[in-house]
């Protein structure tokens, strides 16, 4: 059985132009991040939107990524911040 590539390998492959490497990152982390966001904001549709924004931000900033930092930690922190901003905005609208 073939070992799954590390996050660092996937980031490097994406930077080198391999789009499927980014898909592999999304596939690896979408479920745990979506579950966390859905619990946090209490709205599956909003959680889907926030998850998409989380991966868009990764896409935009992947060239400046510090490879020594765990990718899941970065994604989780980004998702939490997006979720908190969503909740603050919802509270202001009430």
PDB file of N, CA and C in Angstrom:
ATOM      1  N   UNK A   1       0.841  -1.180   0.000  1.00  0.00           N
ATOM      2  CA  UNK A   1       0.000   0.000   0.000  1.00  0.00           C
ATOM      3  C   UNK A   1       0.888   1.246   0.000  1.00  0.00           C
ATOM      4  N   UNK A   2       0.482   2.222  -0.768  1.00  0.00           N
ATOM      5  CA  UNK A   2       1.261   3.444  -0.916  1.00  0.00           C
ATOM      6  C   UNK A   2       0.932   4.438   0.199  1.00  0.00           C
ATOM      7  N   UNK A   3       1.971   5.034   0.745  1.00  0.00           N
ATOM      8  CA  UNK A   3       1.786   6.004   1.827  1.00  0.00           C
ATOM      9  C   UNK A   3       1.263   7.321   1.269  1.00  0.00           C
ATOM     10  N   UNK A   4       0.334   7.932   2.002  1.00  0.00           N
ATOM     11  CA  UNK A   4      -0.229   9.211   1.579  1.00  0.00           C
ATOM     12  C   UNK A   4       0.851  10.294   1.665  1.00  0.00           C
ATOM     13  N   UNK A   5       0.852  11.227   0.716  1.00  0.00           N
ATOM     14  CA  UNK A   5       1.848  12.299   0.759  1.00  0.00           C
ATOM     15  C   UNK A   5       1.617  13.205   1.969  1.00  0.00           C
ATOM     16  N   UNK A   6       2.684  13.763   2.478  1.00  0.00           N
ATOM     17  CA  UNK A   6       2.574  14.693   3.604  1.00  0.00           C
ATOM     18  C   UNK A   6       1.971  16.010   3.126  1.00  0.00           C
ATOM     19  N   UNK A   7       1.527  16.802   4.081  1.00  0.00           N
ATOM     20  CA  UNK A   7       1.000  18.129   3.749  1.00  0.00           C
ATOM     21  C   UNK A   7       2.068  18.967   3.048  1.00  0.00           C
ATOM     22  N   UNK A   8       3.295  18.882   3.543  1.00  0.00           N
ATOM     23  CA  UNK A   8       4.392  19.642   2.939  1.00  0.00           C
ATOM     24  C   UNK A   8       4.595  19.233   1.489  1.00  0.00           C
ATOM     25  N   UNK A   9       4.550  17.932   1.228  1.00  0.00           N
ATOM     26  CA  UNK A   9       4.682  17.456  -0.153  1.00  0.00           C
ATOM     27  C   UNK A   9       3.558  18.002  -1.030  1.00  0.00           C
ATOM     28  N   UNK A  10       2.336  17.984  -0.510  1.00  0.00           N
ATOM     29  CA  UNK A  10       1.196  18.476  -1.287  1.00  0.00           C
ATOM     30  C   UNK A  10       1.335  19.972  -1.578  1.00  0.00           C
ATOM     31  N   UNK A  11       1.754  20.734  -0.581  1.00  0.00           N
ATOM     32  CA  UNK A  11       1.942  22.179  -0.782  1.00  0.00           C
ATOM     33  C   UNK A  11       3.013  22.426  -1.841  1.00  0.00           C
ATOM     34  N   UNK A  12       4.112  21.711  -1.752  1.00  0.00           N
ATOM     35  CA  UNK A  12       5.193  21.876  -2.733  1.00  0.00           C
ATOM     36  C   UNK A  12       4.738  21.482  -4.130  1.00  0.00           C
ATOM     37  N   UNK A  13       3.992  20.396  -4.230  1.00  0.00           N
ATOM     38  CA  UNK A  13       3.497  19.963  -5.541  1.00  0.00           C
ATOM     39  C   UNK A  13       2.519  20.983  -6.122  1.00  0.00           C
ATOM     40  N   UNK A  14       1.673  21.560  -5.267  1.00  0.00           N
ATOM     41  CA  UNK A  14       0.738  22.580  -5.758  1.00  0.00           C
ATOM     42  C   UNK A  14       1.498  23.812  -6.240  1.00  0.00           C
ATOM     43  N   UNK A  15       2.485  24.237  -5.463  1.00  0.00           N
ATOM     44  CA  UNK A  15       3.301  25.383  -5.865  1.00  0.00           C
ATOM     45  C   UNK A  15       4.002  25.137  -7.196  1.00  0.00           C
ATOM     46  N   UNK A  16       4.301  23.876  -7.491  1.00  0.00           N
ATOM     47  CA  UNK A  16       4.973  23.511  -8.739  1.00  0.00           C
ATOM     48  C   UNK A  16       3.977  23.374  -9.903  1.00  0.00           C
ATOM     49  N   UNK A  17       2.693  23.622  -9.629  1.00  0.00           N
ATOM     50  CA  UNK A  17       1.708  23.619 -10.710  1.00  0.00           C
ATOM     51  C   UNK A  17       0.791  22.418 -10.770  1.00  0.00           C
ATOM     52  N   UNK A  18       0.856  21.540  -9.791  1.00  0.00           N
ATOM     53  CA  UNK A  18       0.002  20.351  -9.790  1.00  0.00           C
ATOM     54  C   UNK A  18      -1.303  20.652  -9.040  1.00  0.00           C
ATOM     55  N   UNK A  19      -2.345  20.971  -9.796  1.00  0.00           N
ATOM     56  CA  UNK A  19      -3.633  21.335  -9.205  1.00  0.00           C
ATOM     57  C   UNK A  19      -4.257  20.246  -8.361  1.00  0.00           C
ATOM     58  N   UNK A  20      -3.999  19.002  -8.709  1.00  0.00           N
ATOM     59  CA  UNK A  20      -4.574  17.895  -7.942  1.00  0.00           C
ATOM     60  C   UNK A  20      -4.044  17.846  -6.514  1.00  0.00           C
ATOM     61  N   UNK A  21      -2.894  18.420  -6.290  1.00  0.00           N
ATOM     62  CA  UNK A  21      -2.336  18.451  -4.937  1.00  0.00           C
ATOM     63  C   UNK A  21      -3.227  19.302  -4.026  1.00  0.00           C
ATOM     64  N   UNK A  22      -3.761  20.403  -4.563  1.00  0.00           N
ATOM     65  CA  UNK A  22      -4.661  21.230  -3.754  1.00  0.00           C
ATOM     66  C   UNK A  22      -5.953  20.474  -3.477  1.00  0.00           C
ATOM     67  N   UNK A  23      -6.450  19.768  -4.470  1.00  0.00           N
ATOM     68  CA  UNK A  23      -7.654  18.941  -4.280  1.00  0.00           C
ATOM     69  C   UNK A  23      -7.429  17.926  -3.163  1.00  0.00           C
ATOM     70  N   UNK A  24      -6.229  17.352  -3.104  1.00  0.00           N
ATOM     71  CA  UNK A  24      -5.911  16.380  -2.059  1.00  0.00           C
ATOM     72  C   UNK A  24      -5.927  17.037  -0.679  1.00  0.00           C
ATOM     73  N   UNK A  25      -5.448  18.271  -0.587  1.00  0.00           N
ATOM     74  CA  UNK A  25      -5.488  19.011   0.683  1.00  0.00           C
ATOM     75  C   UNK A  25      -6.944  19.230   1.091  1.00  0.00           C
ATOM     76  N   UNK A  26      -7.758  19.679   0.156  1.00  0.00           N
ATOM     77  CA  UNK A  26      -9.180  19.919   0.444  1.00  0.00           C
ATOM     78  C   UNK A  26      -9.835  18.619   0.896  1.00  0.00           C
ATOM     79  N   UNK A  27      -9.614  17.545   0.155  1.00  0.00           N
ATOM     80  CA  UNK A  27     -10.219  16.258   0.514  1.00  0.00           C
ATOM     81  C   UNK A  27      -9.786  15.791   1.903  1.00  0.00           C
ATOM     82  N   UNK A  28      -8.556  16.063   2.256  1.00  0.00           N
ATOM     83  CA  UNK A  28      -8.010  15.629   3.545  1.00  0.00           C
ATOM     84  C   UNK A  28      -8.662  16.364   4.712  1.00  0.00           C
ATOM     85  N   UNK A  29      -8.950  17.645   4.547  1.00  0.00           N
ATOM     86  CA  UNK A  29      -9.364  18.460   5.696  1.00  0.00           C
ATOM     87  C   UNK A  29     -10.784  19.006   5.651  1.00  0.00           C
ATOM     88  N   UNK A  30     -11.513  18.817   4.560  1.00  0.00           N
ATOM     89  CA  UNK A  30     -12.840  19.431   4.481  1.00  0.00           C
ATOM     90  C   UNK A  30     -13.807  18.888   5.538  1.00  0.00           C
ATOM     91  N   UNK A  31     -13.786  17.606   5.768  1.00  0.00           N
ATOM     92  CA  UNK A  31     -14.738  17.013   6.713  1.00  0.00           C
ATOM     93  C   UNK A  31     -14.528  17.517   8.144  1.00  0.00           C
ATOM     94  N   UNK A  32     -13.322  17.398   8.716  1.00  0.00           N
ATOM     95  CA  UNK A  32     -13.178  17.867  10.103  1.00  0.00           C
ATOM     96  C   UNK A  32     -13.427  19.361  10.255  1.00  0.00           C
ATOM     97  N   UNK A  33     -13.047  20.150   9.252  1.00  0.00           N
ATOM     98  CA  UNK A  33     -13.279  21.592   9.343  1.00  0.00           C
ATOM     99  C   UNK A  33     -14.768  21.912   9.221  1.00  0.00           C
ATOM    100  N   UNK A  34     -15.463  21.206   8.336  1.00  0.00           N
ATOM    101  CA  UNK A  34     -16.902  21.440   8.175  1.00  0.00           C
ATOM    102  C   UNK A  34     -17.661  21.081   9.445  1.00  0.00           C
ATOM    103  N   UNK A  35     -17.318  19.970  10.050  1.00  0.00           N
ATOM    104  CA  UNK A  35     -17.974  19.564  11.302  1.00  0.00           C
ATOM    105  C   UNK A  35     -17.755  20.625  12.378  1.00  0.00           C
ATOM    106  N   UNK A  36     -16.516  21.091  12.503  1.00  0.00           N
ATOM    107  CA  UNK A  36     -16.214  22.112  13.504  1.00  0.00           C
ATOM    108  C   UNK A  36     -17.003  23.392  13.236  1.00  0.00           C
ATOM    109  N   UNK A  37     -17.008  23.848  11.983  1.00  0.00           N
ATOM    110  CA  UNK A  37     -17.711  25.086  11.643  1.00  0.00           C
ATOM    111  C   UNK A  37     -19.220  24.952  11.841  1.00  0.00           C
ATOM    112  N   UNK A  38     -19.786  23.824  11.455  1.00  0.00           N
ATOM    113  CA  UNK A  38     -21.233  23.627  11.617  1.00  0.00           C
ATOM    114  C   UNK A  38     -21.619  23.665  13.092  1.00  0.00           C
ATOM    115  N   UNK A  39     -20.809  23.056  13.937  1.00  0.00           N
ATOM    116  CA  UNK A  39     -21.087  23.103  15.379  1.00  0.00           C
ATOM    117  C   UNK A  39     -20.926  24.522  15.916  1.00  0.00           C
ATOM    118  N   UNK A  40     -19.944  25.203  15.401  1.00  0.00           N
ATOM    119  CA  UNK A  40     -19.638  26.546  15.891  1.00  0.00           C
ATOM    120  C   UNK A  40     -20.727  27.553  15.537  1.00  0.00           C
ATOM    121  N   UNK A  41     -21.163  27.544  14.278  1.00  0.00           N
ATOM    122  CA  UNK A  41     -22.117  28.568  13.830  1.00  0.00           C
ATOM    123  C   UNK A  41     -23.554  28.073  13.839  1.00  0.00           C
ATOM    124  N   UNK A  42     -23.762  26.760  13.981  1.00  0.00           N
ATOM    125  CA  UNK A  42     -25.113  26.223  14.073  1.00  0.00           C
ATOM    126  C   UNK A  42     -25.915  26.301  12.792  1.00  0.00           C
ATOM    127  N   UNK A  43     -25.238  26.386  11.662  1.00  0.00           N
ATOM    128  CA  UNK A  43     -25.916  26.543  10.374  1.00  0.00           C
ATOM    129  C   UNK A  43     -25.061  25.867   9.304  1.00  0.00           C
ATOM    130  N   UNK A  44     -25.555  24.773   8.746  1.00  0.00           N
ATOM    131  CA  UNK A  44     -24.766  23.984   7.783  1.00  0.00           C
ATOM    132  C   UNK A  44     -24.436  24.790   6.527  1.00  0.00           C
ATOM    133  N   UNK A  45     -25.387  25.564   6.038  1.00  0.00           N
ATOM    134  CA  UNK A  45     -25.150  26.354   4.824  1.00  0.00           C
ATOM    135  C   UNK A  45     -24.065  27.409   5.069  1.00  0.00           C
ATOM    136  N   UNK A  46     -24.145  28.095   6.188  1.00  0.00           N
ATOM    137  CA  UNK A  46     -23.120  29.085   6.535  1.00  0.00           C
ATOM    138  C   UNK A  46     -21.767  28.396   6.720  1.00  0.00           C
ATOM    139  N   UNK A  47     -21.770  27.213   7.333  1.00  0.00           N
ATOM    140  CA  UNK A  47     -20.531  26.468   7.538  1.00  0.00           C
ATOM    141  C   UNK A  47     -19.902  26.102   6.190  1.00  0.00           C
ATOM    142  N   UNK A  48     -20.719  25.704   5.222  1.00  0.00           N
ATOM    143  CA  UNK A  48     -20.209  25.404   3.875  1.00  0.00           C
ATOM    144  C   UNK A  48     -19.542  26.631   3.257  1.00  0.00           C
ATOM    145  N   UNK A  49     -20.194  27.782   3.388  1.00  0.00           N
ATOM    146  CA  UNK A  49     -19.637  29.023   2.842  1.00  0.00           C
ATOM    147  C   UNK A  49     -18.315  29.390   3.526  1.00  0.00           C
ATOM    148  N   UNK A  50     -18.279  29.247   4.832  1.00  0.00           N
ATOM    149  CA  UNK A  50     -17.070  29.566   5.586  1.00  0.00           C
ATOM    150  C   UNK A  50     -15.936  28.604   5.229  1.00  0.00           C
ATOM    151  N   UNK A  51     -16.270  27.340   5.039  1.00  0.00           N
ATOM    152  CA  UNK A  51     -15.263  26.361   4.646  1.00  0.00           C
ATOM    153  C   UNK A  51     -14.677  26.716   3.285  1.00  0.00           C
ATOM    154  N   UNK A  52     -15.537  27.091   2.370  1.00  0.00           N
ATOM    155  CA  UNK A  52     -15.054  27.479   1.045  1.00  0.00           C
ATOM    156  C   UNK A  52     -14.123  28.688   1.154  1.00  0.00           C
ATOM    157  N   UNK A  53     -14.489  29.664   1.951  1.00  0.00           N
ATOM    158  CA  UNK A  53     -13.636  30.847   2.136  1.00  0.00           C
ATOM    159  C   UNK A  53     -12.300  30.462   2.766  1.00  0.00           C
ATOM    160  N   UNK A  54     -12.316  29.514   3.669  1.00  0.00           N
ATOM    161  CA  UNK A  54     -11.082  29.044   4.299  1.00  0.00           C
ATOM    162  C   UNK A  54     -10.118  28.496   3.241  1.00  0.00           C
ATOM    163  N   UNK A  55     -10.631  27.685   2.325  1.00  0.00           N
ATOM    164  CA  UNK A  55      -9.774  27.112   1.289  1.00  0.00           C
ATOM    165  C   UNK A  55      -9.389  28.143   0.231  1.00  0.00           C
ATOM    166  N   UNK A  56     -10.244  29.115  -0.020  1.00  0.00           N
ATOM    167  CA  UNK A  56      -9.889  30.197  -0.942  1.00  0.00           C
ATOM    168  C   UNK A  56      -8.710  30.977  -0.369  1.00  0.00           C
ATOM    169  N   UNK A  57      -8.740  31.239   0.912  1.00  0.00           N
ATOM    170  CA  UNK A  57      -7.630  31.967   1.548  1.00  0.00           C
ATOM    171  C   UNK A  57      -6.333  31.168   1.499  1.00  0.00           C
ATOM    172  N   UNK A  58      -6.438  29.865   1.685  1.00  0.00           N
ATOM    173  CA  UNK A  58      -5.244  29.027   1.551  1.00  0.00           C
ATOM    174  C   UNK A  58      -4.700  29.127   0.136  1.00  0.00           C
ATOM    175  N   UNK A  59      -5.578  29.032  -0.848  1.00  0.00           N
ATOM    176  CA  UNK A  59      -5.180  29.112  -2.270  1.00  0.00           C
ATOM    177  C   UNK A  59      -4.433  30.425  -2.539  1.00  0.00           C
ATOM    178  N   UNK A  60      -4.997  31.521  -2.044  1.00  0.00           N
ATOM    179  CA  UNK A  60      -4.404  32.842  -2.292  1.00  0.00           C
ATOM    180  C   UNK A  60      -3.047  33.033  -1.625  1.00  0.00           C
ATOM    181  N   UNK A  61      -2.865  32.418  -0.476  1.00  0.00           N
ATOM    182  CA  UNK A  61      -1.675  32.690   0.332  1.00  0.00           C
ATOM    183  C   UNK A  61      -0.712  31.509   0.423  1.00  0.00           C
ATOM    184  N   UNK A  62      -0.904  30.521  -0.412  1.00  0.00           N
ATOM    185  CA  UNK A  62      -0.099  29.300  -0.289  1.00  0.00           C
ATOM    186  C   UNK A  62       1.379  29.556  -0.585  1.00  0.00           C
ATOM    187  N   UNK A  63       1.676  30.537  -1.430  1.00  0.00           N
ATOM    188  CA  UNK A  63       3.078  30.823  -1.737  1.00  0.00           C
ATOM    189  C   UNK A  63       3.832  31.378  -0.535  1.00  0.00           C
ATOM    190  N   UNK A  64       3.152  32.047   0.380  1.00  0.00           N
ATOM    191  CA  UNK A  64       3.799  32.610   1.557  1.00  0.00           C
ATOM    192  C   UNK A  64       3.714  31.716   2.784  1.00  0.00           C
ATOM    193  N   UNK A  65       3.216  30.512   2.600  1.00  0.00           N
ATOM    194  CA  UNK A  65       3.010  29.591   3.705  1.00  0.00           C
ATOM    195  C   UNK A  65       4.335  29.149   4.319  1.00  0.00           C
ATOM    196  N   UNK A  66       4.379  29.121   5.632  1.00  0.00           N
ATOM    197  CA  UNK A  66       5.537  28.612   6.365  1.00  0.00           C
ATOM    198  C   UNK A  66       5.391  27.096   6.452  1.00  0.00           C
ATOM    199  N   UNK A  67       6.232  26.382   5.743  1.00  0.00           N
ATOM    200  CA  UNK A  67       6.118  24.921   5.678  1.00  0.00           C
ATOM    201  C   UNK A  67       6.406  24.237   7.011  1.00  0.00           C
ATOM    202  N   UNK A  68       7.014  24.943   7.951  1.00  0.00           N
ATOM    203  CA  UNK A  68       7.288  24.331   9.247  1.00  0.00           C
ATOM    204  C   UNK A  68       6.040  24.331  10.133  1.00  0.00           C
ATOM    205  N   UNK A  69       5.048  25.141   9.787  1.00  0.00           N
ATOM    206  CA  UNK A  69       3.806  25.194  10.558  1.00  0.00           C
ATOM    207  C   UNK A  69       2.852  24.114  10.060  1.00  0.00           C
ATOM    208  N   UNK A  70       2.243  23.354  10.963  1.00  0.00           N
ATOM    209  CA  UNK A  70       1.310  22.312  10.521  1.00  0.00           C
ATOM    210  C   UNK A  70       0.141  22.920   9.728  1.00  0.00           C
ATOM    211  N   UNK A  71      -0.151  22.341   8.589  1.00  0.00           N
ATOM    212  CA  UNK A  71      -1.189  22.865   7.712  1.00  0.00           C
ATOM    213  C   UNK A  71      -2.566  22.809   8.365  1.00  0.00           C
ATOM    214  N   UNK A  72      -2.868  21.713   9.055  1.00  0.00           N
ATOM    215  CA  UNK A  72      -4.181  21.631   9.692  1.00  0.00           C
ATOM    216  C   UNK A  72      -4.350  22.730  10.744  1.00  0.00           C
ATOM    217  N   UNK A  73      -3.307  23.017  11.482  1.00  0.00           N
ATOM    218  CA  UNK A  73      -3.384  24.090  12.480  1.00  0.00           C
ATOM    219  C   UNK A  73      -3.698  25.432  11.837  1.00  0.00           C
ATOM    220  N   UNK A  74      -3.060  25.705  10.715  1.00  0.00           N
ATOM    221  CA  UNK A  74      -3.328  26.949   9.986  1.00  0.00           C
ATOM    222  C   UNK A  74      -4.769  26.984   9.480  1.00  0.00           C
ATOM    223  N   UNK A  75      -5.219  25.890   8.877  1.00  0.00           N
ATOM    224  CA  UNK A  75      -6.586  25.831   8.364  1.00  0.00           C
ATOM    225  C   UNK A  75      -7.610  25.944   9.490  1.00  0.00           C
ATOM    226  N   UNK A  76      -7.339  25.277  10.592  1.00  0.00           N
ATOM    227  CA  UNK A  76      -8.273  25.324  11.721  1.00  0.00           C
ATOM    228  C   UNK A  76      -8.357  26.742  12.294  1.00  0.00           C
ATOM    229  N   UNK A  77      -7.215  27.380  12.445  1.00  0.00           N
ATOM    230  CA  UNK A  77      -7.207  28.750  12.965  1.00  0.00           C
ATOM    231  C   UNK A  77      -7.950  29.696  12.023  1.00  0.00           C
ATOM    232  N   UNK A  78      -7.737  29.530  10.724  1.00  0.00           N
ATOM    233  CA  UNK A  78      -8.439  30.349   9.734  1.00  0.00           C
ATOM    234  C   UNK A  78      -9.938  30.105   9.823  1.00  0.00           C
ATOM    235  N   UNK A  79     -10.338  28.836   9.915  1.00  0.00           N
ATOM    236  CA  UNK A  79     -11.761  28.503   9.998  1.00  0.00           C
ATOM    237  C   UNK A  79     -12.386  29.062  11.275  1.00  0.00           C
ATOM    238  N   UNK A  80     -11.698  28.943  12.393  1.00  0.00           N
ATOM    239  CA  UNK A  80     -12.218  29.475  13.662  1.00  0.00           C
ATOM    240  C   UNK A  80     -12.401  30.989  13.553  1.00  0.00           C
ATOM    241  N   UNK A  81     -11.413  31.681  13.009  1.00  0.00           N
ATOM    242  CA  UNK A  81     -11.528  33.133  12.866  1.00  0.00           C
ATOM    243  C   UNK A  81     -12.686  33.512  11.948  1.00  0.00           C
ATOM    244  N   UNK A  82     -12.859  32.792  10.862  1.00  0.00           N
ATOM    245  CA  UNK A  82     -13.998  33.052   9.970  1.00  0.00           C
ATOM    246  C   UNK A  82     -15.313  32.799  10.699  1.00  0.00           C
ATOM    247  N   UNK A  83     -15.362  31.722  11.468  1.00  0.00           N
ATOM    248  CA  UNK A  83     -16.571  31.417  12.232  1.00  0.00           C
ATOM    249  C   UNK A  83     -16.884  32.484  13.268  1.00  0.00           C
ATOM    250  N   UNK A  84     -15.864  32.947  13.974  1.00  0.00           N
ATOM    251  CA  UNK A  84     -16.071  34.013  14.968  1.00  0.00           C
ATOM    252  C   UNK A  84     -16.547  35.302  14.300  1.00  0.00           C
ATOM    253  N   UNK A  85     -15.957  35.642  13.172  1.00  0.00           N
ATOM    254  CA  UNK A  85     -16.404  36.839  12.444  1.00  0.00           C
ATOM    255  C   UNK A  85     -17.850  36.697  11.996  1.00  0.00           C
ATOM    256  N   UNK A  86     -18.214  35.510  11.562  1.00  0.00           N
ATOM    257  CA  UNK A  86     -19.600  35.255  11.152  1.00  0.00           C
ATOM    258  C   UNK A  86     -20.549  35.450  12.338  1.00  0.00           C
ATOM    259  N   UNK A  87     -20.181  34.895  13.483  1.00  0.00           N
ATOM    260  CA  UNK A  87     -21.031  35.015  14.667  1.00  0.00           C
ATOM    261  C   UNK A  87     -21.137  36.468  15.127  1.00  0.00           C
ATOM    262  N   UNK A  88     -20.029  37.199  15.065  1.00  0.00           N
ATOM    263  CA  UNK A  88     -20.079  38.614  15.449  1.00  0.00           C
ATOM    264  C   UNK A  88     -20.996  39.394  14.511  1.00  0.00           C
ATOM    265  N   UNK A  89     -20.886  39.124  13.226  1.00  0.00           N
ATOM    266  CA  UNK A  89     -21.754  39.789  12.258  1.00  0.00           C
ATOM    267  C   UNK A  89     -23.210  39.458  12.470  1.00  0.00           C
ATOM    268  N   UNK A  90     -23.482  38.208  12.802  1.00  0.00           N
ATOM    269  CA  UNK A  90     -24.863  37.801  13.053  1.00  0.00           C
ATOM    270  C   UNK A  90     -25.412  38.486  14.300  1.00  0.00           C
ATOM    271  N   UNK A  91     -24.555  38.628  15.326  1.00  0.00           N
ATOM    272  CA  UNK A  91     -24.988  39.290  16.565  1.00  0.00           C
ATOM    273  C   UNK A  91     -25.273  40.762  16.314  1.00  0.00           C
ATOM    274  N   UNK A  92     -24.464  41.410  15.462  1.00  0.00           N
ATOM    275  CA  UNK A  92     -24.687  42.825  15.151  1.00  0.00           C
ATOM    276  C   UNK A  92     -25.994  43.048  14.394  1.00  0.00           C
ATOM    277  N   UNK A  93     -26.339  42.086  13.549  1.00  0.00           N
ATOM    278  CA  UNK A  93     -27.569  42.224  12.742  1.00  0.00           C
ATOM    279  C   UNK A  93     -28.820  42.056  13.578  1.00  0.00           C
ATOM    280  N   UNK A  94     -28.715  41.450  14.745  1.00  0.00           N
ATOM    281  CA  UNK A  94     -29.895  41.212  15.591  1.00  0.00           C
ATOM    282  C   UNK A  94     -30.302  42.429  16.350  1.00  0.00           C
TER     283      UNK A  94
END
